[in-house]
């Protein structure tokens, strides 16, 4: 079922989201000081391509730099990315077929708000049972 949902997601929304996040990542990497944000954008693009069967966990080695980076990210990019995921998630949930896709959009909200200090893991990974969001 995950594979079917991922394929439907990829065709209808995932490819466009991943391309958008990848373009943002390239721009961030060109502006040398924002390379950590570029890496985070590439990580989100990867998650946006294939979200079913994966989850988000906090990294135990993340420190103050991740927190400061996340504050900067939320101010400049995170809030409008999260708002976009909320709006499209609600729109997708209007139809019965779109509900799983809307839920996948809602899963992208935490990583779009605070991508630094988080890791995307398989739902089969033991770390996914201990720390979510």
C-alpha atoms as a PDB file:
ATOM      1  CA  UNK A   1       0.000   0.000   0.000  1.00  0.00           C
ATOM      2  CA  UNK A   2       2.888   2.369   0.809  1.00  0.00           C
ATOM      3  CA  UNK A   3       4.323   1.942  -2.653  1.00  0.00           C
ATOM      4  CA  UNK A   4       0.991   2.704  -4.321  1.00  0.00           C
ATOM      5  CA  UNK A   5       0.484   5.807  -2.173  1.00  0.00           C
ATOM      6  CA  UNK A   6       4.057   6.941  -2.854  1.00  0.00           C
ATOM      7  CA  UNK A   7       3.591   6.555  -6.614  1.00  0.00           C
ATOM      8  CA  UNK A   8       0.306   8.495  -6.557  1.00  0.00           C
ATOM      9  CA  UNK A   9       1.941  11.136  -4.333  1.00  0.00           C
ATOM     10  CA  UNK A  10       4.965  11.362  -6.638  1.00  0.00           C
ATOM     11  CA  UNK A  11       2.847  11.927  -9.740  1.00  0.00           C
ATOM     12  CA  UNK A  12       0.348  14.370  -8.237  1.00  0.00           C
ATOM     13  CA  UNK A  13       2.404  16.429  -5.797  1.00  0.00           C
ATOM     14  CA  UNK A  14       5.745  15.005  -4.777  1.00  0.00           C
ATOM     15  CA  UNK A  15       7.736  15.716  -7.917  1.00  0.00           C
ATOM     16  CA  UNK A  16       6.748  19.396  -7.928  1.00  0.00           C
ATOM     17  CA  UNK A  17       7.475  19.830  -4.230  1.00  0.00           C
ATOM     18  CA  UNK A  18      10.816  18.076  -4.558  1.00  0.00           C
ATOM     19  CA  UNK A  19      11.809  20.236  -7.516  1.00  0.00           C
ATOM     20  CA  UNK A  20      10.869  23.379  -5.573  1.00  0.00           C
ATOM     21  CA  UNK A  21      12.849  22.323  -2.509  1.00  0.00           C
ATOM     22  CA  UNK A  22      15.815  21.317  -4.711  1.00  0.00           C
ATOM     23  CA  UNK A  23      15.836  24.719  -6.443  1.00  0.00           C
ATOM     24  CA  UNK A  24      15.772  26.409  -3.035  1.00  0.00           C
ATOM     25  CA  UNK A  25      18.644  24.144  -1.962  1.00  0.00           C
ATOM     26  CA  UNK A  26      20.710  25.098  -4.997  1.00  0.00           C
ATOM     27  CA  UNK A  27      20.131  28.795  -4.340  1.00  0.00           C
ATOM     28  CA  UNK A  28      21.106  28.360  -0.691  1.00  0.00           C
ATOM     29  CA  UNK A  29      24.283  26.488  -1.642  1.00  0.00           C
ATOM     30  CA  UNK A  30      25.294  29.213  -4.107  1.00  0.00           C
ATOM     31  CA  UNK A  31      25.053  31.778  -1.303  1.00  0.00           C
ATOM     32  CA  UNK A  32      27.890  30.214   0.689  1.00  0.00           C
ATOM     33  CA  UNK A  33      26.705  31.278   4.154  1.00  0.00           C
ATOM     34  CA  UNK A  34      23.378  29.478   3.719  1.00  0.00           C
ATOM     35  CA  UNK A  35      24.798  26.047   2.829  1.00  0.00           C
ATOM     36  CA  UNK A  36      23.274  24.394   5.956  1.00  0.00           C
ATOM     37  CA  UNK A  37      19.863  25.566   4.780  1.00  0.00           C
ATOM     38  CA  UNK A  38      20.596  24.205   1.298  1.00  0.00           C
ATOM     39  CA  UNK A  39      21.427  20.800   2.742  1.00  0.00           C
ATOM     40  CA  UNK A  40      18.191  20.921   4.747  1.00  0.00           C
ATOM     41  CA  UNK A  41      16.272  21.801   1.573  1.00  0.00           C
ATOM     42  CA  UNK A  42      17.748  18.793  -0.234  1.00  0.00           C
ATOM     43  CA  UNK A  43      16.773  16.582   2.723  1.00  0.00           C
ATOM     44  CA  UNK A  44      13.196  17.906   2.581  1.00  0.00           C
ATOM     45  CA  UNK A  45      13.136  17.370  -1.206  1.00  0.00           C
ATOM     46  CA  UNK A  46      14.091  13.740  -0.661  1.00  0.00           C
ATOM     47  CA  UNK A  47      11.344  13.336   1.940  1.00  0.00           C
ATOM     48  CA  UNK A  48       8.810  15.089  -0.313  1.00  0.00           C
ATOM     49  CA  UNK A  49       9.458  12.577  -3.099  1.00  0.00           C
ATOM     50  CA  UNK A  50       8.626   9.454  -1.082  1.00  0.00           C
ATOM     51  CA  UNK A  51       6.950  10.321   2.297  1.00  0.00           C
ATOM     52  CA  UNK A  52       4.966   7.155   3.013  1.00  0.00           C
ATOM     53  CA  UNK A  53       6.871   4.671   5.139  1.00  0.00           C
ATOM     54  CA  UNK A  54       9.232   7.300   6.533  1.00  0.00           C
ATOM     55  CA  UNK A  55       9.031   9.579   9.541  1.00  0.00           C
ATOM     56  CA  UNK A  56      10.869  12.452  11.169  1.00  0.00           C
ATOM     57  CA  UNK A  57      12.915  12.138  14.376  1.00  0.00           C
ATOM     58  CA  UNK A  58      15.050  14.541  16.369  1.00  0.00           C
ATOM     59  CA  UNK A  59      18.791  14.060  16.185  1.00  0.00           C
ATOM     60  CA  UNK A  60      20.335  13.535  19.585  1.00  0.00           C
ATOM     61  CA  UNK A  61      23.542  15.319  18.604  1.00  0.00           C
ATOM     62  CA  UNK A  62      21.798  18.553  17.514  1.00  0.00           C
ATOM     63  CA  UNK A  63      22.831  21.529  19.585  1.00  0.00           C
ATOM     64  CA  UNK A  64      22.410  25.270  19.898  1.00  0.00           C
ATOM     65  CA  UNK A  65      23.508  25.907  16.318  1.00  0.00           C
ATOM     66  CA  UNK A  66      20.533  23.881  15.053  1.00  0.00           C
ATOM     67  CA  UNK A  67      18.182  25.877  17.276  1.00  0.00           C
ATOM     68  CA  UNK A  68      19.555  29.214  16.062  1.00  0.00           C
ATOM     69  CA  UNK A  69      19.434  28.003  12.453  1.00  0.00           C
ATOM     70  CA  UNK A  70      15.831  26.862  12.894  1.00  0.00           C
ATOM     71  CA  UNK A  71      14.831  30.264  14.283  1.00  0.00           C
ATOM     72  CA  UNK A  72      16.355  31.952  11.228  1.00  0.00           C
ATOM     73  CA  UNK A  73      14.703  29.357   8.952  1.00  0.00           C
ATOM     74  CA  UNK A  74      11.244  29.905  10.503  1.00  0.00           C
ATOM     75  CA  UNK A  75      11.521  33.671  10.100  1.00  0.00           C
ATOM     76  CA  UNK A  76      12.586  33.616   6.451  1.00  0.00           C
ATOM     77  CA  UNK A  77      11.143  30.428   4.959  1.00  0.00           C
ATOM     78  CA  UNK A  78       9.538  28.002   7.405  1.00  0.00           C
ATOM     79  CA  UNK A  79       6.292  29.792   8.144  1.00  0.00           C
ATOM     80  CA  UNK A  80       5.243  30.171   4.501  1.00  0.00           C
ATOM     81  CA  UNK A  81       6.299  26.618   3.656  1.00  0.00           C
ATOM     82  CA  UNK A  82       4.223  25.291   6.562  1.00  0.00           C
ATOM     83  CA  UNK A  83       1.292  27.473   5.533  1.00  0.00           C
ATOM     84  CA  UNK A  84       1.508  26.075   1.989  1.00  0.00           C
ATOM     85  CA  UNK A  85       1.486  22.520   3.334  1.00  0.00           C
ATOM     86  CA  UNK A  86      -1.514  23.301   5.554  1.00  0.00           C
ATOM     87  CA  UNK A  87      -3.526  24.842   2.708  1.00  0.00           C
ATOM     88  CA  UNK A  88      -2.764  22.059   0.218  1.00  0.00           C
ATOM     89  CA  UNK A  89      -3.282  19.391   2.900  1.00  0.00           C
ATOM     90  CA  UNK A  90      -6.750  20.750   3.689  1.00  0.00           C
ATOM     91  CA  UNK A  91      -7.582  20.983  -0.027  1.00  0.00           C
ATOM     92  CA  UNK A  92      -6.499  17.378  -0.576  1.00  0.00           C
ATOM     93  CA  UNK A  93      -8.537  16.155   2.405  1.00  0.00           C
ATOM     94  CA  UNK A  94     -11.754  17.392   0.800  1.00  0.00           C
ATOM     95  CA  UNK A  95     -11.932  14.237  -1.325  1.00  0.00           C
ATOM     96  CA  UNK A  96     -11.745  10.716   0.059  1.00  0.00           C
ATOM     97  CA  UNK A  97      -8.992   9.735  -2.395  1.00  0.00           C
ATOM     98  CA  UNK A  98      -6.962  12.801  -1.375  1.00  0.00           C
ATOM     99  CA  UNK A  99      -7.021  12.148   2.389  1.00  0.00           C
ATOM    100  CA  UNK A 100      -3.786  10.089   2.464  1.00  0.00           C
ATOM    101  CA  UNK A 101      -2.106  12.736   0.311  1.00  0.00           C
ATOM    102  CA  UNK A 102      -3.347  15.475   2.638  1.00  0.00           C
ATOM    103  CA  UNK A 103      -1.935  13.570   5.601  1.00  0.00           C
ATOM    104  CA  UNK A 104       1.410  13.318   3.771  1.00  0.00           C
ATOM    105  CA  UNK A 105       1.302  17.091   3.348  1.00  0.00           C
ATOM    106  CA  UNK A 106       0.687  17.489   7.080  1.00  0.00           C
ATOM    107  CA  UNK A 107       3.683  15.197   7.744  1.00  0.00           C
ATOM    108  CA  UNK A 108       5.875  17.699   5.895  1.00  0.00           C
ATOM    109  CA  UNK A 109       4.939  20.589   8.195  1.00  0.00           C
ATOM    110  CA  UNK A 110       7.378  19.841  11.059  1.00  0.00           C
ATOM    111  CA  UNK A 111      10.352  19.393   8.739  1.00  0.00           C
ATOM    112  CA  UNK A 112       9.437  22.492   6.741  1.00  0.00           C
ATOM    113  CA  UNK A 113       9.272  24.541   9.963  1.00  0.00           C
ATOM    114  CA  UNK A 114      12.419  23.259  11.679  1.00  0.00           C
ATOM    115  CA  UNK A 115      14.581  21.140   9.369  1.00  0.00           C
ATOM    116  CA  UNK A 116      17.869  21.445  11.242  1.00  0.00           C
ATOM    117  CA  UNK A 117      18.512  18.892  13.967  1.00  0.00           C
ATOM    118  CA  UNK A 118      16.062  16.393  12.511  1.00  0.00           C
ATOM    119  CA  UNK A 119      16.511  13.205  10.578  1.00  0.00           C
ATOM    120  CA  UNK A 120      14.227  11.328   8.212  1.00  0.00           C
ATOM    121  CA  UNK A 121      14.133   7.593   8.955  1.00  0.00           C
ATOM    122  CA  UNK A 122      12.144   4.578   7.857  1.00  0.00           C
ATOM    123  CA  UNK A 123       9.147   3.714  10.010  1.00  0.00           C
ATOM    124  CA  UNK A 124      10.852   0.338  10.530  1.00  0.00           C
ATOM    125  CA  UNK A 125      13.868   2.067  12.110  1.00  0.00           C
ATOM    126  CA  UNK A 126      13.910   1.687  15.929  1.00  0.00           C
ATOM    127  CA  UNK A 127      14.548   5.435  16.310  1.00  0.00           C
ATOM    128  CA  UNK A 128      11.118   6.174  14.836  1.00  0.00           C
ATOM    129  CA  UNK A 129       9.459   4.636  17.916  1.00  0.00           C
ATOM    130  CA  UNK A 130      11.212   6.861  20.449  1.00  0.00           C
ATOM    131  CA  UNK A 131      11.205  10.399  19.117  1.00  0.00           C
ATOM    132  CA  UNK A 132       8.661  11.755  16.680  1.00  0.00           C
ATOM    133  CA  UNK A 133       8.202  15.283  15.370  1.00  0.00           C
END
